[in-house]
Protein backbone atom coordinates (compact mmCIF):
# COMPACT_ATOMS: atom_id res chain seq x y z
CA UNK A 1 -3.17 32.79 -9.63
CA UNK A 2 -3.74 36.67 -9.12
CA UNK A 3 -7.42 36.67 -8.09
CA UNK A 4 -7.66 33.35 -6.65
CA UNK A 5 -8.92 33.35 -3.01
CA UNK A 6 -6.92 30.08 -1.72
CA UNK A 7 -3.99 31.16 -3.56
CA UNK A 8 -4.23 34.22 -1.41
CA UNK A 9 -4.97 32.16 1.68
CA UNK A 10 -1.76 30.09 0.89
CA UNK A 11 0.36 33.42 0.38
CA UNK A 12 -1.03 34.41 3.65
CA UNK A 13 -2.58 37.59 2.07
CA UNK A 14 -5.91 36.48 3.57
CA UNK A 15 -6.23 35.16 7.30
CA UNK A 16 -7.47 31.87 8.19
CA UNK A 17 -7.62 29.27 10.61
CA UNK A 18 -4.64 26.80 9.69
CA UNK A 19 -4.78 23.37 10.79
CA UNK A 20 -1.73 22.15 8.96
CA UNK A 21 1.15 23.49 6.70
CA UNK A 22 4.03 22.55 5.22
CA UNK A 23 6.01 23.96 2.01
CA UNK A 24 3.63 21.78 -0.36
CA UNK A 25 0.01 21.91 1.36
CA UNK A 26 -2.13 23.81 3.56
CA UNK A 27 -5.07 22.63 5.61
CA UNK A 28 -7.60 25.37 7.04
CA UNK A 29 -10.57 25.36 8.83
CA UNK A 30 -14.11 26.29 6.49
CA UNK A 31 -15.66 29.44 7.04
CA UNK A 32 -18.95 27.72 7.01
CA UNK A 33 -18.70 24.19 8.13
CA UNK A 34 -20.83 21.14 6.99
CA UNK A 35 -19.56 18.83 9.79
CA UNK A 36 -18.09 19.73 13.14
CA UNK A 37 -14.54 19.21 11.88
CA UNK A 38 -14.30 20.59 8.37
CA UNK A 39 -11.17 21.43 6.96
CA UNK A 40 -10.11 22.29 3.23
CA UNK A 41 -6.71 20.68 2.06
CA UNK A 42 -5.11 22.48 -0.85
CA UNK A 43 -1.57 22.19 -2.70
CA UNK A 44 -0.23 25.58 -2.24
CA UNK A 45 0.54 25.61 -6.08
CA UNK A 46 -2.52 27.04 -8.34
CA UNK A 47 -4.18 23.94 -9.75
CA UNK A 48 -7.89 24.86 -11.01
CA UNK A 49 -9.50 21.62 -10.59
CA UNK A 50 -8.80 17.73 -10.59
CA UNK A 51 -9.36 17.97 -14.20
CA UNK A 52 -5.87 19.86 -14.20
CA UNK A 53 -3.97 17.71 -12.45
CA UNK A 54 -1.20 16.07 -14.62
CA UNK A 55 2.00 14.10 -14.18
CA UNK A 56 3.66 17.18 -13.28
CA UNK A 57 1.74 17.20 -9.95
CA UNK A 58 2.36 13.57 -9.15
CA UNK A 59 4.63 14.55 -6.49
CA UNK A 60 2.17 16.98 -4.68
CA UNK A 61 -0.59 15.44 -4.88
CA UNK A 62 1.07 12.11 -3.60
CA UNK A 63 1.96 14.25 -0.78
CA UNK A 64 -1.35 15.71 -0.13
CA UNK A 65 -2.95 12.35 -0.16
CA UNK A 66 -0.38 10.99 2.19
CA UNK A 67 -1.00 13.66 4.73
CA UNK A 68 -4.50 13.30 4.83
CA UNK A 69 -4.46 10.67 7.47
CA UNK A 70 -1.89 12.83 9.83
CA UNK A 71 -4.17 15.61 9.59
CA UNK A 72 -7.31 13.47 10.41
CA UNK A 73 -5.64 12.02 13.48
CA UNK A 74 -4.35 15.43 14.25
CA UNK A 75 -7.89 16.44 14.40
CA UNK A 76 -9.37 13.83 15.96
CA UNK A 77 -11.12 11.89 13.46
CA UNK A 78 -10.36 8.31 14.99
CA UNK A 79 -13.74 7.21 14.13
CA UNK A 80 -13.54 8.19 10.32
CA UNK A 81 -14.25 11.10 8.16
CA UNK A 82 -15.21 11.89 4.88
CA UNK A 83 -12.90 13.48 1.87
CA UNK A 84 -14.44 15.08 -0.92
CA UNK A 85 -13.40 16.74 -3.93
CA UNK A 86 -16.00 18.51 -6.17
CA UNK A 87 -14.88 18.92 -9.70
CA UNK A 88 -16.53 21.62 -11.98
CA UNK A 89 -19.79 23.14 -12.37
CA UNK A 90 -21.93 20.24 -11.78
CA UNK A 91 -19.81 18.88 -8.83
CA UNK A 92 -20.66 22.39 -7.26
CA UNK A 93 -16.85 23.48 -7.35
CA UNK A 94 -17.28 26.87 -6.41
CA UNK A 95 -13.48 28.10 -5.84
CA UNK A 96 -11.38 27.35 -8.88
CA UNK A 97 -8.37 26.25 -6.98
CA UNK A 98 -8.14 22.37 -6.15
CA UNK A 99 -9.01 21.59 -2.84
CA UNK A 100 -10.52 18.40 -0.66
CA UNK A 101 -12.80 18.82 2.12
CA UNK A 102 -12.32 16.54 5.23
CA UNK A 103 -15.16 16.31 7.19
CA UNK A 104 -15.53 14.33 10.52
CA UNK A 105 -17.04 14.13 14.03
CA UNK A 106 -20.62 13.41 12.86
CA UNK A 107 -22.01 10.34 10.73
CA UNK A 108 -21.83 11.12 7.07
CA UNK A 109 -25.09 10.44 5.07
CA UNK A 110 -25.43 8.45 1.91
CA UNK A 111 -26.02 9.50 -0.57
CA UNK A 112 -24.46 12.66 -0.03
CA UNK A 113 -26.17 14.80 -2.55
């Protein structure tokens, strides 16, 4: 997507602090962290939101979900973590590129919002 900030990050047009990267996904540190560890995990392919995921995305989405535990372990989140996906306006999705917030290194509260 031409004007998508996360596509630009995935294409390395905008610098970021990369926590993990492979051919399918990228995880990078959030510029406004809400926890001591806060990374965003994105598919490199532009998918606007969770509502846009289709059966064409099964392989990439399965890979992303399977890598969460590896990324969490690499970041030292052995006591647990929270994985959040905001979807749509009411869900407070501010960037229209599917992304998951991986948060940890503090006690998470409930309800979250």
